[in-house]
Amino acid sequence: MFPVMSALDSDGNGEISSEEIKGAVVALKKLDKNKDGKLTEDELRPNFSGRGGASGQRPSRGGEGRSGQRPSRGGEGRGGQRPSRPSSGE
């Protein structure tokens, strides 16, 4: 869940009610990690714990398709195994 949604959706039902909107200022201030009165992209970015490495950066999108999986490499079959080659004696 995105940090903004987590902060605003206090009852965790996946919707932001009119009561939750009224408390938005207080909820958004909780996201201001460095307490400078501003929210930056880094403060609003989801934390993919365990996926972005120790630096907390976004995971790389290099080569990923819509499903989030990398396309298979040429020559690889299902399960990442290469298909066997026919032996030269056949």
C-alpha atoms as a PDB file:
ATOM      1  CA  MET A   1       0.000   0.000   0.000  1.00  0.00           C
ATOM      2  CA  PHE A   2       1.232   3.498  -0.751  1.00  0.00           C
ATOM      3  CA  PRO A   3       2.300   5.540   2.305  1.00  0.00           C
ATOM      4  CA  VAL A   4      -0.263   8.256   1.537  1.00  0.00           C
ATOM      5  CA  MET A   5      -3.073   5.711   1.481  1.00  0.00           C
ATOM      6  CA  SER A   6      -1.784   4.089   4.658  1.00  0.00           C
ATOM      7  CA  ALA A   7      -1.605   7.440   6.412  1.00  0.00           C
ATOM      8  CA  LEU A   8      -5.054   8.600   5.332  1.00  0.00           C
ATOM      9  CA  ASP A   9      -6.964   5.300   5.582  1.00  0.00           C
ATOM     10  CA  SER A  10      -6.936   5.081   9.378  1.00  0.00           C
ATOM     11  CA  ASP A  11      -9.393   2.166   9.573  1.00  0.00           C
ATOM     12  CA  GLY A  12      -7.601   0.204   6.834  1.00  0.00           C
ATOM     13  CA  ASN A  13     -10.702  -0.548   4.755  1.00  0.00           C
ATOM     14  CA  GLY A  14      -9.158   0.594   1.450  1.00  0.00           C
ATOM     15  CA  GLU A  15     -11.297   3.744   1.263  1.00  0.00           C
ATOM     16  CA  ILE A  16     -10.750   7.268   2.496  1.00  0.00           C
ATOM     17  CA  SER A  17     -13.926   8.428   4.203  1.00  0.00           C
ATOM     18  CA  SER A  18     -15.027  12.025   4.758  1.00  0.00           C
ATOM     19  CA  GLU A  19     -13.895  11.719   8.387  1.00  0.00           C
ATOM     20  CA  GLU A  20     -10.466  10.503   7.282  1.00  0.00           C
ATOM     21  CA  ILE A  21     -10.246  13.401   4.808  1.00  0.00           C
ATOM     22  CA  LYS A  22     -10.926  15.826   7.684  1.00  0.00           C
ATOM     23  CA  GLY A  23      -7.899  14.378   9.504  1.00  0.00           C
ATOM     24  CA  ALA A  24      -5.692  14.477   6.403  1.00  0.00           C
ATOM     25  CA  VAL A  25      -3.421  17.304   7.573  1.00  0.00           C
ATOM     26  CA  VAL A  26      -2.453  15.462  10.750  1.00  0.00           C
ATOM     27  CA  ALA A  27      -2.080  12.164   8.878  1.00  0.00           C
ATOM     28  CA  LEU A  28       0.118  13.670   6.146  1.00  0.00           C
ATOM     29  CA  LYS A  29       2.384  15.374   8.687  1.00  0.00           C
ATOM     30  CA  LYS A  30       3.273  11.895   9.965  1.00  0.00           C
ATOM     31  CA  LEU A  31       4.874  11.158   6.561  1.00  0.00           C
ATOM     32  CA  ASP A  32       7.259  14.133   6.864  1.00  0.00           C
ATOM     33  CA  LYS A  33      10.276  12.064   7.964  1.00  0.00           C
ATOM     34  CA  ASN A  34      12.722  14.961   8.233  1.00  0.00           C
ATOM     35  CA  LYS A  35      10.140  17.344   9.778  1.00  0.00           C
ATOM     36  CA  ASP A  36      10.823  20.141   7.287  1.00  0.00           C
ATOM     37  CA  GLY A  37       7.136  20.826   6.655  1.00  0.00           C
ATOM     38  CA  LYS A  38       7.292  19.423   3.105  1.00  0.00           C
ATOM     39  CA  LEU A  39       6.618  16.011   1.598  1.00  0.00           C
ATOM     40  CA  THR A  40       9.110  14.860  -1.008  1.00  0.00           C
ATOM     41  CA  GLU A  41       8.916  11.981  -3.473  1.00  0.00           C
ATOM     42  CA  ASP A  42      11.207   9.956  -1.212  1.00  0.00           C
ATOM     43  CA  GLU A  43       8.835  10.435   1.718  1.00  0.00           C
ATOM     44  CA  LEU A  44       5.829   9.408  -0.392  1.00  0.00           C
ATOM     45  CA  ARG A  45       7.485   6.448  -2.137  1.00  0.00           C
ATOM     46  CA  PRO A  46       6.375   2.999  -0.993  1.00  0.00           C
ATOM     47  CA  ASN A  47       8.928   1.091   1.050  1.00  0.00           C
ATOM     48  CA  PHE A  48       9.461  -2.280  -0.623  1.00  0.00           C
ATOM     49  CA  SER A  49      11.232  -3.827   2.325  1.00  0.00           C
ATOM     50  CA  GLY A  50      13.555  -6.560   1.225  1.00  0.00           C
ATOM     51  CA  ARG A  51      13.247  -5.716  -2.484  1.00  0.00           C
ATOM     52  CA  GLY A  52      15.125  -2.450  -2.836  1.00  0.00           C
ATOM     53  CA  GLY A  53      18.237  -3.371  -0.945  1.00  0.00           C
ATOM     54  CA  ALA A  54      19.617  -1.634   2.102  1.00  0.00           C
ATOM     55  CA  SER A  55      19.559   1.753   0.392  1.00  0.00           C
ATOM     56  CA  GLY A  56      15.759   1.779   0.291  1.00  0.00           C
ATOM     57  CA  GLN A  57      15.748   2.690  -3.384  1.00  0.00           C
ATOM     58  CA  ARG A  58      13.067   1.567  -5.774  1.00  0.00           C
ATOM     59  CA  PRO A  59      13.649  -1.807  -7.381  1.00  0.00           C
ATOM     60  CA  SER A  60      14.973  -1.669 -10.942  1.00  0.00           C
ATOM     61  CA  ARG A  61      12.372  -1.808 -13.707  1.00  0.00           C
ATOM     62  CA  GLY A  62      14.900  -2.878 -16.325  1.00  0.00           C
ATOM     63  CA  GLY A  63      13.275  -5.342 -18.699  1.00  0.00           C
ATOM     64  CA  GLU A  64      10.231  -6.097 -16.587  1.00  0.00           C
ATOM     65  CA  GLY A  65       6.903  -6.468 -18.313  1.00  0.00           C
ATOM     66  CA  ARG A  66       3.470  -5.525 -17.056  1.00  0.00           C
ATOM     67  CA  SER A  67       3.308  -8.631 -14.873  1.00  0.00           C
ATOM     68  CA  GLY A  68       6.444  -7.521 -13.041  1.00  0.00           C
ATOM     69  CA  GLN A  69       8.328 -10.559 -14.289  1.00  0.00           C
ATOM     70  CA  ARG A  70      11.340 -10.329 -16.504  1.00  0.00           C
ATOM     71  CA  PRO A  71      10.873 -11.720 -20.002  1.00  0.00           C
ATOM     72  CA  SER A  72      12.538 -15.082 -20.534  1.00  0.00           C
ATOM     73  CA  ARG A  73      15.959 -15.041 -22.120  1.00  0.00           C
ATOM     74  CA  GLY A  74      16.497 -16.597 -25.507  1.00  0.00           C
ATOM     75  CA  GLY A  75      17.158 -20.336 -25.252  1.00  0.00           C
ATOM     76  CA  GLU A  76      15.584 -20.787 -21.842  1.00  0.00           C
ATOM     77  CA  GLY A  77      12.579 -23.020 -21.489  1.00  0.00           C
ATOM     78  CA  ARG A  78      10.061 -23.184 -18.671  1.00  0.00           C
ATOM     79  CA  GLY A  79      11.527 -23.029 -15.210  1.00  0.00           C
ATOM     80  CA  GLY A  80      14.673 -21.303 -16.455  1.00  0.00           C
ATOM     81  CA  GLN A  81      16.189 -24.526 -17.799  1.00  0.00           C
ATOM     82  CA  ARG A  82      17.709 -24.620 -21.231  1.00  0.00           C
ATOM     83  CA  PRO A  83      16.259 -27.197 -23.612  1.00  0.00           C
ATOM     84  CA  SER A  84      18.560 -30.141 -24.195  1.00  0.00           C
ATOM     85  CA  ARG A  85      20.520 -30.256 -27.444  1.00  0.00           C
ATOM     86  CA  PRO A  86      20.431 -33.352 -29.598  1.00  0.00           C
ATOM     87  CA  SER A  87      23.634 -35.340 -29.365  1.00  0.00           C
ATOM     88  CA  SER A  88      25.905 -35.414 -32.408  1.00  0.00           C
ATOM     89  CA  GLY A  89      25.543 -39.225 -32.692  1.00  0.00           C
ATOM     90  CA  GLU A  90      21.882 -39.140 -33.732  1.00  0.00           C
END
